[in-house]
N, C-alpha and C. Protein backbone atom coordinates (compact mmCIF):
# COMPACT_ATOMS: atom_id res chain seq x y z
N MET A 1 100.28 62.89 42.08
CA MET A 1 101.36 62.47 41.19
C MET A 1 102.58 63.34 41.47
N GLN A 2 103.70 62.70 41.54
CA GLN A 2 104.95 63.40 41.80
C GLN A 2 105.61 63.76 40.47
N THR A 3 106.16 64.97 40.40
CA THR A 3 106.87 65.38 39.20
C THR A 3 108.37 65.30 39.47
N ALA A 4 109.12 65.09 38.41
CA ALA A 4 110.57 65.01 38.53
C ALA A 4 111.20 66.00 37.56
N ASP A 5 112.21 66.71 38.04
CA ASP A 5 112.96 67.62 37.19
C ASP A 5 114.00 66.79 36.44
N LEU A 6 113.72 66.48 35.19
CA LEU A 6 114.59 65.61 34.41
C LEU A 6 115.95 66.23 34.14
N SER A 7 116.03 67.55 34.20
CA SER A 7 117.32 68.20 33.96
C SER A 7 118.26 68.04 35.16
N ALA A 8 117.70 67.63 36.32
CA ALA A 8 118.51 67.50 37.53
C ALA A 8 119.06 66.08 37.72
N ILE A 9 118.76 65.18 36.79
CA ILE A 9 119.23 63.80 36.92
C ILE A 9 120.72 63.75 36.61
N ALA A 10 121.49 63.25 37.55
CA ALA A 10 122.93 63.14 37.36
C ALA A 10 123.24 61.92 36.51
N ALA A 11 124.25 62.05 35.67
CA ALA A 11 124.66 60.95 34.79
C ALA A 11 125.08 59.74 35.62
N ASP A 12 125.71 59.96 36.77
CA ASP A 12 126.13 58.85 37.63
C ASP A 12 124.92 58.07 38.16
N ASP A 13 123.84 58.79 38.47
CA ASP A 13 122.63 58.12 38.95
C ASP A 13 122.03 57.23 37.86
N LEU A 14 122.03 57.73 36.64
CA LEU A 14 121.51 56.93 35.53
C LEU A 14 122.40 55.72 35.27
N LYS A 15 123.71 55.89 35.40
CA LYS A 15 124.64 54.77 35.21
C LYS A 15 124.43 53.71 36.28
N LEU A 16 124.22 54.13 37.52
CA LEU A 16 123.99 53.19 38.60
C LEU A 16 122.68 52.42 38.38
N ALA A 17 121.64 53.12 37.98
CA ALA A 17 120.36 52.47 37.70
C ALA A 17 120.52 51.47 36.56
N ALA A 18 121.27 51.84 35.53
CA ALA A 18 121.51 50.94 34.39
C ALA A 18 122.31 49.71 34.83
N LYS A 19 123.25 49.90 35.75
CA LYS A 19 124.05 48.78 36.25
C LYS A 19 123.17 47.78 37.01
N ILE A 20 122.29 48.29 37.85
CA ILE A 20 121.36 47.43 38.60
C ILE A 20 120.46 46.67 37.62
N ALA A 21 119.98 47.37 36.61
CA ALA A 21 119.12 46.74 35.60
C ALA A 21 119.87 45.66 34.82
N ARG A 22 121.12 45.94 34.48
CA ARG A 22 121.94 44.94 33.77
C ARG A 22 122.14 43.69 34.61
N GLN A 23 122.38 43.89 35.90
CA GLN A 23 122.55 42.75 36.80
C GLN A 23 121.29 41.88 36.83
N ALA A 24 120.15 42.50 36.65
CA ALA A 24 118.88 41.78 36.62
C ALA A 24 118.56 41.25 35.23
N GLY A 25 119.33 41.66 34.24
CA GLY A 25 119.05 41.25 32.86
C GLY A 25 117.85 41.97 32.28
N VAL A 26 117.64 43.21 32.71
CA VAL A 26 116.47 43.98 32.32
C VAL A 26 116.89 45.24 31.58
N GLY A 27 116.16 45.56 30.54
CA GLY A 27 116.33 46.84 29.85
C GLY A 27 115.29 47.81 30.36
N LEU A 28 115.71 48.83 31.09
CA LEU A 28 114.75 49.78 31.66
C LEU A 28 113.91 50.46 30.58
N ASP A 29 114.50 50.66 29.41
CA ASP A 29 113.78 51.32 28.32
C ASP A 29 112.65 50.47 27.75
N ASP A 30 112.67 49.17 28.04
CA ASP A 30 111.62 48.29 27.54
C ASP A 30 110.28 48.52 28.21
N CYS A 31 110.31 49.05 29.43
CA CYS A 31 109.07 49.28 30.18
C CYS A 31 108.42 50.58 29.73
N TYR A 32 107.16 50.49 29.29
CA TYR A 32 106.45 51.70 28.89
C TYR A 32 105.34 52.06 29.88
N GLN A 33 105.42 51.54 31.09
CA GLN A 33 104.56 51.92 32.21
C GLN A 33 103.08 51.59 32.00
N CYS A 34 102.80 50.42 31.46
CA CYS A 34 101.40 50.03 31.25
C CYS A 34 100.71 49.69 32.57
N GLY A 35 101.47 49.23 33.56
CA GLY A 35 100.91 48.94 34.87
C GLY A 35 100.41 47.51 35.06
N LYS A 36 100.57 46.65 34.05
CA LYS A 36 100.09 45.26 34.20
C LYS A 36 100.83 44.53 35.31
N CYS A 37 102.10 44.87 35.51
CA CYS A 37 102.88 44.23 36.58
C CYS A 37 102.25 44.53 37.93
N THR A 38 101.92 45.76 38.14
CA THR A 38 101.36 46.18 39.41
C THR A 38 99.94 45.65 39.59
N ALA A 39 99.17 45.61 38.52
CA ALA A 39 97.80 45.13 38.61
C ALA A 39 97.74 43.67 39.06
N GLY A 40 98.75 42.88 38.73
CA GLY A 40 98.75 41.48 39.11
C GLY A 40 99.52 41.18 40.38
N CYS A 41 100.20 42.15 40.92
CA CYS A 41 101.07 41.91 42.08
C CYS A 41 100.27 41.62 43.35
N PRO A 42 100.46 40.43 43.93
CA PRO A 42 99.72 40.11 45.16
C PRO A 42 100.24 40.86 46.39
N MET A 43 101.38 41.51 46.28
CA MET A 43 101.94 42.24 47.41
C MET A 43 101.83 43.76 47.26
N ALA A 44 101.22 44.22 46.18
CA ALA A 44 101.14 45.67 45.92
C ALA A 44 100.50 46.43 47.08
N HIS A 45 99.56 45.81 47.75
CA HIS A 45 98.88 46.48 48.87
C HIS A 45 99.84 46.83 50.01
N ALA A 46 100.96 46.12 50.10
CA ALA A 46 101.92 46.35 51.19
C ALA A 46 103.09 47.23 50.77
N MET A 47 103.07 47.70 49.53
CA MET A 47 104.21 48.47 49.00
C MET A 47 103.90 49.96 48.98
N ASP A 48 104.94 50.76 49.23
CA ASP A 48 104.80 52.19 49.04
C ASP A 48 105.11 52.56 47.58
N LEU A 49 106.09 51.88 46.99
CA LEU A 49 106.35 51.99 45.55
C LEU A 49 106.07 50.61 44.96
N VAL A 50 105.07 50.54 44.11
CA VAL A 50 104.69 49.28 43.47
C VAL A 50 105.67 48.99 42.32
N PRO A 51 105.66 47.79 41.75
CA PRO A 51 106.66 47.45 40.73
C PRO A 51 106.81 48.49 39.62
N ARG A 52 105.70 48.98 39.08
CA ARG A 52 105.76 49.99 38.02
C ARG A 52 106.51 51.23 38.49
N GLN A 53 106.30 51.62 39.72
CA GLN A 53 106.94 52.83 40.25
C GLN A 53 108.43 52.60 40.55
N VAL A 54 108.78 51.40 40.94
CA VAL A 54 110.20 51.08 41.17
C VAL A 54 110.95 51.19 39.84
N ILE A 55 110.35 50.63 38.78
CA ILE A 55 110.99 50.72 37.46
C ILE A 55 111.08 52.17 37.03
N ARG A 56 110.03 52.93 37.24
CA ARG A 56 110.04 54.35 36.84
C ARG A 56 111.11 55.12 37.60
N ALA A 57 111.24 54.84 38.89
CA ALA A 57 112.28 55.51 39.68
C ALA A 57 113.66 55.22 39.08
N LEU A 58 113.89 53.97 38.69
CA LEU A 58 115.18 53.63 38.09
C LEU A 58 115.34 54.27 36.72
N GLN A 59 114.27 54.34 35.94
CA GLN A 59 114.34 55.02 34.65
C GLN A 59 114.75 56.47 34.81
N LEU A 60 114.37 57.06 35.93
CA LEU A 60 114.69 58.46 36.21
C LEU A 60 116.00 58.61 37.00
N GLY A 61 116.69 57.49 37.24
CA GLY A 61 117.95 57.56 37.97
C GLY A 61 117.78 57.75 39.46
N GLN A 62 116.60 57.49 39.98
CA GLN A 62 116.31 57.67 41.40
C GLN A 62 116.54 56.36 42.16
N VAL A 63 117.79 55.93 42.16
CA VAL A 63 118.15 54.66 42.78
C VAL A 63 117.86 54.68 44.27
N GLU A 64 118.24 55.75 44.93
CA GLU A 64 118.03 55.84 46.37
C GLU A 64 116.55 55.73 46.72
N ARG A 65 115.70 56.36 45.92
CA ARG A 65 114.25 56.28 46.14
C ARG A 65 113.77 54.84 45.98
N ALA A 66 114.24 54.15 44.95
CA ALA A 66 113.83 52.77 44.70
C ALA A 66 114.31 51.84 45.81
N VAL A 67 115.54 52.02 46.26
CA VAL A 67 116.12 51.14 47.27
C VAL A 67 115.49 51.38 48.64
N ASN A 68 115.21 52.62 48.96
CA ASN A 68 114.65 52.94 50.28
C ASN A 68 113.15 52.69 50.38
N ALA A 69 112.51 52.39 49.29
CA ALA A 69 111.08 52.08 49.31
C ALA A 69 110.88 50.64 49.76
N LYS A 70 109.70 50.35 50.29
CA LYS A 70 109.40 49.00 50.75
C LYS A 70 109.14 48.02 49.60
N GLY A 71 108.87 48.53 48.41
CA GLY A 71 108.46 47.69 47.29
C GLY A 71 109.30 46.47 47.05
N SER A 72 110.59 46.66 46.82
CA SER A 72 111.44 45.51 46.50
C SER A 72 111.68 44.63 47.73
N TRP A 73 111.51 45.18 48.91
CA TRP A 73 111.78 44.43 50.13
C TRP A 73 110.63 43.52 50.51
N VAL A 74 109.41 43.86 50.12
CA VAL A 74 108.27 42.99 50.43
C VAL A 74 107.85 42.16 49.22
N CYS A 75 108.55 42.34 48.11
CA CYS A 75 108.28 41.55 46.90
C CYS A 75 108.46 40.07 47.21
N ALA A 76 107.48 39.27 46.85
CA ALA A 76 107.52 37.82 47.11
C ALA A 76 108.26 37.07 46.01
N ASN A 77 108.70 37.76 44.97
CA ASN A 77 109.36 37.15 43.82
C ASN A 77 108.54 35.98 43.26
N CYS A 78 107.23 36.19 43.21
CA CYS A 78 106.33 35.16 42.68
C CYS A 78 106.32 35.16 41.15
N MET A 79 106.84 36.21 40.55
CA MET A 79 107.01 36.37 39.11
C MET A 79 105.72 36.64 38.33
N VAL A 80 104.63 36.96 39.05
CA VAL A 80 103.39 37.32 38.36
C VAL A 80 103.63 38.57 37.51
N CYS A 81 104.37 39.52 38.06
CA CYS A 81 104.65 40.76 37.33
C CYS A 81 105.39 40.47 36.03
N SER A 82 106.39 39.62 36.11
CA SER A 82 107.18 39.28 34.93
C SER A 82 106.34 38.54 33.89
N ALA A 83 105.46 37.66 34.37
CA ALA A 83 104.62 36.89 33.45
C ALA A 83 103.60 37.79 32.75
N ARG A 84 103.16 38.85 33.41
CA ARG A 84 102.13 39.73 32.84
C ARG A 84 102.70 40.80 31.91
N CYS A 85 104.01 41.02 31.97
CA CYS A 85 104.60 42.12 31.22
C CYS A 85 104.54 41.85 29.71
N PRO A 86 103.87 42.74 28.95
CA PRO A 86 103.79 42.54 27.49
C PRO A 86 105.13 42.77 26.79
N GLN A 87 106.09 43.38 27.47
CA GLN A 87 107.40 43.65 26.90
C GLN A 87 108.44 42.60 27.32
N GLY A 88 108.03 41.67 28.18
CA GLY A 88 108.96 40.64 28.63
C GLY A 88 109.99 41.13 29.63
N VAL A 89 109.69 42.22 30.31
CA VAL A 89 110.61 42.74 31.32
C VAL A 89 110.52 41.84 32.56
N ASP A 90 111.64 41.34 33.02
CA ASP A 90 111.67 40.48 34.20
C ASP A 90 111.72 41.36 35.44
N ILE A 91 110.57 41.87 35.80
CA ILE A 91 110.45 42.81 36.91
C ILE A 91 110.83 42.14 38.22
N SER A 92 110.50 40.88 38.36
CA SER A 92 110.83 40.14 39.57
C SER A 92 112.34 40.15 39.81
N GLN A 93 113.13 39.94 38.76
CA GLN A 93 114.58 39.97 38.90
C GLN A 93 115.08 41.38 39.19
N LEU A 94 114.41 42.37 38.63
CA LEU A 94 114.79 43.76 38.90
C LEU A 94 114.54 44.10 40.36
N MET A 95 113.41 43.68 40.89
CA MET A 95 113.11 43.94 42.30
C MET A 95 114.17 43.27 43.19
N LEU A 96 114.56 42.07 42.81
CA LEU A 96 115.60 41.36 43.56
C LEU A 96 116.94 42.08 43.47
N ALA A 97 117.28 42.58 42.30
CA ALA A 97 118.55 43.31 42.12
C ALA A 97 118.56 44.59 42.94
N VAL A 98 117.43 45.29 43.00
CA VAL A 98 117.33 46.51 43.82
C VAL A 98 117.55 46.15 45.29
N ARG A 99 116.92 45.08 45.70
CA ARG A 99 117.06 44.63 47.08
C ARG A 99 118.50 44.25 47.40
N HIS A 100 119.14 43.51 46.51
CA HIS A 100 120.53 43.11 46.74
C HIS A 100 121.45 44.33 46.77
N TYR A 101 121.21 45.31 45.92
CA TYR A 101 122.00 46.53 45.94
C TYR A 101 121.85 47.21 47.30
N GLY A 102 120.61 47.32 47.77
CA GLY A 102 120.38 47.95 49.06
C GLY A 102 121.05 47.20 50.19
N LYS A 103 120.93 45.89 50.16
CA LYS A 103 121.53 45.08 51.21
C LYS A 103 123.05 45.23 51.22
N LYS A 104 123.64 45.25 50.02
CA LYS A 104 125.09 45.40 49.90
C LYS A 104 125.57 46.74 50.47
N HIS A 105 124.68 47.74 50.43
CA HIS A 105 125.04 49.07 50.91
C HIS A 105 124.45 49.40 52.28
N GLY A 106 124.02 48.36 53.00
CA GLY A 106 123.56 48.54 54.37
C GLY A 106 122.18 49.14 54.52
N LEU A 107 121.39 49.14 53.46
CA LEU A 107 120.03 49.68 53.53
C LEU A 107 119.04 48.53 53.69
N ARG A 108 118.20 48.63 54.70
CA ARG A 108 117.21 47.58 54.96
C ARG A 108 115.93 48.23 55.47
N PRO A 109 115.13 48.83 54.56
CA PRO A 109 113.90 49.48 55.01
C PRO A 109 112.88 48.52 55.62
N GLU A 110 112.93 47.27 55.26
CA GLU A 110 112.03 46.25 55.81
C GLU A 110 112.88 45.14 56.42
N PRO A 111 113.39 45.35 57.64
CA PRO A 111 114.33 44.39 58.21
C PRO A 111 113.74 42.99 58.38
N ASP A 112 112.43 42.87 58.65
CA ASP A 112 111.86 41.53 58.80
C ASP A 112 111.88 40.76 57.49
N ALA A 113 111.67 41.44 56.37
CA ALA A 113 111.75 40.77 55.06
C ALA A 113 113.17 40.30 54.82
N ASP A 114 114.12 41.11 55.20
CA ASP A 114 115.52 40.75 55.03
C ASP A 114 115.89 39.57 55.94
N LYS A 115 115.35 39.56 57.14
CA LYS A 115 115.61 38.44 58.06
C LYS A 115 115.03 37.15 57.51
N PHE A 116 113.83 37.22 56.92
CA PHE A 116 113.23 36.03 56.33
C PHE A 116 114.08 35.54 55.16
N ASP A 117 114.52 36.47 54.32
CA ASP A 117 115.35 36.13 53.17
C ASP A 117 116.61 35.40 53.62
N ASP A 118 117.28 35.93 54.64
CA ASP A 118 118.50 35.31 55.16
C ASP A 118 118.22 33.92 55.73
N ALA A 119 117.12 33.78 56.48
CA ALA A 119 116.76 32.48 57.06
C ALA A 119 116.43 31.47 55.96
N PHE A 120 115.74 31.92 54.93
CA PHE A 120 115.37 31.02 53.83
C PHE A 120 116.61 30.53 53.08
N VAL A 121 117.50 31.45 52.76
CA VAL A 121 118.73 31.08 52.03
C VAL A 121 119.58 30.13 52.88
N ALA A 122 119.70 30.39 54.17
CA ALA A 122 120.47 29.51 55.05
C ALA A 122 119.84 28.12 55.10
N ASN A 123 118.52 28.06 55.11
CA ASN A 123 117.79 26.80 55.11
C ASN A 123 118.10 25.99 53.84
N ILE A 124 118.09 26.64 52.70
CA ILE A 124 118.39 25.98 51.44
C ILE A 124 119.85 25.51 51.42
N ARG A 125 120.74 26.36 51.88
CA ARG A 125 122.17 25.98 51.93
C ARG A 125 122.39 24.76 52.81
N ASN A 126 121.71 24.70 53.94
CA ASN A 126 121.94 23.62 54.90
C ASN A 126 121.30 22.29 54.51
N PHE A 127 120.11 22.35 53.90
CA PHE A 127 119.36 21.12 53.64
C PHE A 127 119.14 20.82 52.17
N GLY A 128 119.44 21.79 51.29
CA GLY A 128 119.22 21.59 49.86
C GLY A 128 117.80 21.88 49.44
N LYS A 129 116.93 22.12 50.40
CA LYS A 129 115.54 22.49 50.14
C LYS A 129 115.00 23.16 51.40
N SER A 130 113.81 23.71 51.32
CA SER A 130 113.24 24.40 52.46
C SER A 130 112.59 23.42 53.42
N ASN A 131 112.95 23.50 54.67
CA ASN A 131 112.29 22.78 55.75
C ASN A 131 111.46 23.80 56.51
N GLU A 132 110.14 23.71 56.35
CA GLU A 132 109.23 24.74 56.87
C GLU A 132 109.37 24.97 58.38
N ALA A 133 109.45 23.91 59.13
CA ALA A 133 109.51 24.07 60.59
C ALA A 133 110.79 24.81 61.01
N ILE A 134 111.90 24.43 60.41
CA ILE A 134 113.17 25.08 60.75
C ILE A 134 113.17 26.52 60.28
N LEU A 135 112.65 26.74 59.07
CA LEU A 135 112.57 28.11 58.55
C LEU A 135 111.72 28.98 59.46
N ALA A 136 110.54 28.50 59.82
CA ALA A 136 109.65 29.29 60.68
C ALA A 136 110.29 29.55 62.04
N ALA A 137 110.90 28.52 62.61
CA ALA A 137 111.52 28.68 63.93
C ALA A 137 112.66 29.69 63.88
N LYS A 138 113.53 29.56 62.87
CA LYS A 138 114.67 30.48 62.78
C LYS A 138 114.21 31.91 62.53
N TYR A 139 113.27 32.08 61.59
CA TYR A 139 112.77 33.43 61.31
C TYR A 139 112.11 34.03 62.54
N ASN A 140 111.24 33.27 63.19
CA ASN A 140 110.54 33.78 64.37
C ASN A 140 111.53 34.17 65.47
N LEU A 141 112.60 33.41 65.60
CA LEU A 141 113.61 33.71 66.61
C LEU A 141 114.36 35.00 66.29
N VAL A 142 114.85 35.14 65.04
CA VAL A 142 115.64 36.33 64.70
C VAL A 142 114.79 37.58 64.56
N SER A 143 113.50 37.42 64.22
CA SER A 143 112.63 38.60 64.06
C SER A 143 111.95 39.01 65.35
N GLY A 144 111.97 38.11 66.36
CA GLY A 144 111.32 38.43 67.61
C GLY A 144 109.83 38.10 67.61
N HIS A 145 109.34 37.50 66.55
CA HIS A 145 107.92 37.10 66.45
C HIS A 145 107.79 35.64 66.89
N LEU A 146 108.13 35.37 68.13
CA LEU A 146 108.32 34.02 68.61
C LEU A 146 107.12 33.09 68.45
N LEU A 147 105.93 33.59 68.63
CA LEU A 147 104.75 32.72 68.61
C LEU A 147 103.84 32.93 67.41
N GLN A 148 104.28 33.67 66.41
CA GLN A 148 103.38 34.06 65.33
C GLN A 148 102.82 32.88 64.52
N ASP A 149 103.55 31.78 64.40
CA ASP A 149 103.09 30.65 63.59
C ASP A 149 102.55 29.50 64.42
N LEU A 150 102.41 29.71 65.70
CA LEU A 150 101.98 28.63 66.57
C LEU A 150 100.63 28.04 66.16
N GLY A 151 99.71 28.87 65.71
CA GLY A 151 98.39 28.41 65.29
C GLY A 151 98.43 27.54 64.04
N SER A 152 99.49 27.63 63.26
CA SER A 152 99.62 26.85 62.02
C SER A 152 100.18 25.45 62.25
N VAL A 153 100.72 25.20 63.41
CA VAL A 153 101.39 23.92 63.67
C VAL A 153 100.47 22.72 63.46
N PRO A 154 99.25 22.71 64.01
CA PRO A 154 98.41 21.52 63.80
C PRO A 154 98.13 21.23 62.31
N LYS A 155 97.85 22.26 61.55
CA LYS A 155 97.58 22.07 60.12
C LYS A 155 98.83 21.58 59.39
N MET A 156 99.98 22.15 59.72
CA MET A 156 101.23 21.73 59.09
C MET A 156 101.57 20.28 59.44
N LEU A 157 101.29 19.88 60.68
CA LEU A 157 101.51 18.49 61.09
C LEU A 157 100.59 17.55 60.32
N SER A 158 99.32 17.91 60.22
CA SER A 158 98.35 17.03 59.55
C SER A 158 98.64 16.90 58.06
N ARG A 159 99.25 17.88 57.45
CA ARG A 159 99.57 17.84 56.02
C ARG A 159 100.98 17.29 55.75
N GLY A 160 101.67 16.91 56.80
CA GLY A 160 103.00 16.35 56.64
C GLY A 160 104.07 17.38 56.28
N MET A 161 103.76 18.65 56.48
CA MET A 161 104.73 19.71 56.16
C MET A 161 105.85 19.76 57.18
N ILE A 162 105.54 19.36 58.40
CA ILE A 162 106.55 19.31 59.45
C ILE A 162 106.42 17.98 60.18
N GLY A 163 107.45 17.61 60.84
CA GLY A 163 107.45 16.35 61.59
C GLY A 163 108.79 16.17 62.26
N PRO A 164 108.96 15.03 62.89
CA PRO A 164 110.20 14.81 63.64
C PRO A 164 111.43 14.61 62.75
N LYS A 165 111.23 14.17 61.52
CA LYS A 165 112.36 13.89 60.63
C LYS A 165 112.65 15.11 59.76
N ILE A 166 113.92 15.46 59.66
CA ILE A 166 114.35 16.57 58.80
C ILE A 166 114.75 15.98 57.46
N HIS A 167 114.08 16.45 56.42
CA HIS A 167 114.36 15.96 55.07
C HIS A 167 115.30 16.91 54.34
N GLY A 168 116.16 16.33 53.56
CA GLY A 168 117.06 17.12 52.73
C GLY A 168 117.18 16.46 51.37
N VAL A 169 118.08 16.94 50.57
CA VAL A 169 118.34 16.34 49.27
C VAL A 169 119.63 15.53 49.36
N LYS A 170 119.83 14.63 48.42
CA LYS A 170 121.01 13.77 48.45
C LYS A 170 122.30 14.55 48.25
N ASP A 171 122.28 15.49 47.32
CA ASP A 171 123.51 16.21 46.97
C ASP A 171 123.46 17.65 47.50
N LYS A 172 123.48 17.79 48.81
CA LYS A 172 123.43 19.12 49.44
C LYS A 172 124.61 19.99 49.03
N LYS A 173 125.75 19.36 48.81
CA LYS A 173 126.96 20.09 48.45
C LYS A 173 126.78 20.85 47.13
N SER A 174 126.14 20.22 46.16
CA SER A 174 125.91 20.87 44.86
C SER A 174 124.93 22.03 45.00
N VAL A 175 123.88 21.83 45.78
CA VAL A 175 122.90 22.91 46.00
C VAL A 175 123.59 24.08 46.70
N ARG A 176 124.39 23.77 47.71
CA ARG A 176 125.12 24.83 48.43
C ARG A 176 126.04 25.60 47.48
N ALA A 177 126.70 24.90 46.56
CA ALA A 177 127.59 25.56 45.60
C ALA A 177 126.81 26.50 44.69
N VAL A 178 125.62 26.09 44.26
CA VAL A 178 124.79 26.96 43.42
C VAL A 178 124.36 28.19 44.20
N VAL A 179 123.89 27.98 45.42
CA VAL A 179 123.46 29.11 46.25
C VAL A 179 124.62 30.07 46.49
N ASP A 180 125.78 29.52 46.82
CA ASP A 180 126.95 30.38 47.08
C ASP A 180 127.34 31.18 45.84
N ARG A 181 127.27 30.54 44.66
CA ARG A 181 127.61 31.26 43.42
C ARG A 181 126.63 32.41 43.17
N VAL A 182 125.36 32.13 43.39
CA VAL A 182 124.35 33.17 43.19
C VAL A 182 124.55 34.31 44.18
N LEU A 183 124.82 33.97 45.42
CA LEU A 183 125.05 35.02 46.43
C LEU A 183 126.29 35.83 46.13
N LYS A 184 127.30 35.16 45.56
CA LYS A 184 128.57 35.85 45.28
C LYS A 184 128.43 36.85 44.13
N ASP A 185 127.81 36.41 43.03
CA ASP A 185 127.82 37.29 41.87
C ASP A 185 126.43 37.52 41.26
N GLY A 186 125.40 37.27 42.03
CA GLY A 186 124.06 37.51 41.53
C GLY A 186 123.65 36.53 40.43
N GLY A 187 124.37 35.43 40.30
CA GLY A 187 124.03 34.43 39.31
C GLY A 187 124.50 34.75 37.90
N GLN A 188 125.23 35.86 37.74
CA GLN A 188 125.71 36.24 36.40
C GLN A 188 126.90 35.36 36.03
N GLN A 189 126.92 34.92 34.81
CA GLN A 189 128.03 34.08 34.36
C GLN A 189 128.94 34.85 33.45
C-alpha cells in the first residue's frame, strides 16, 4: 500500500482534479472507496491503477498519477463500474474525462487504446454508426497490427457483421454534429 503525505498536496492540484471531476459530472467526495467499481470491471486485469485507485488519486490531487496510469486508457467505458456504485458515481465518465485531459495535454500512456478511440470516433463521424470492417482495418493500419483480426473474418462474414456493402444512417450530418459537439466541449451544455 502506498502512503501519501496529505500536507504536501498543492491547492492547484486539488483544483485541477475537481475540474476534471466536474467535467465528468462526478463528485469526488461521493466515493468512499468500497471497491465495487473495481470488483466488476472487466478490464481491471489490464490496469495498473484500477477505477477505485484512479478516483483515489484524484481525491488526493494526484492528477499526473491518474493520467499517466493505464487505467483510464484501457477502460472500455462499459459502465459496469458506474452501475455497481452504491453512491451513483459515474466512474465511467470520470475515466473518460481523465483520458481526455491526458490527450489534450499530449499524454498517451497507451497509444494503441488512443489509436482505437480515434479510429472509432472517425468511423462514427463518417457513417453515423460503427462499421466493424472499416474500424478494424483502420485501427490495424494505424497501430501496425496489420493481421491481428484476420482469423475473425470468416465468423464476421457468416454473422453479417461485415460484407461488401457499407451501411450508414440516413442523417449522418446530425450524428456528425453531435460527435463534433462532444469532442469540442466534452458534451457539457
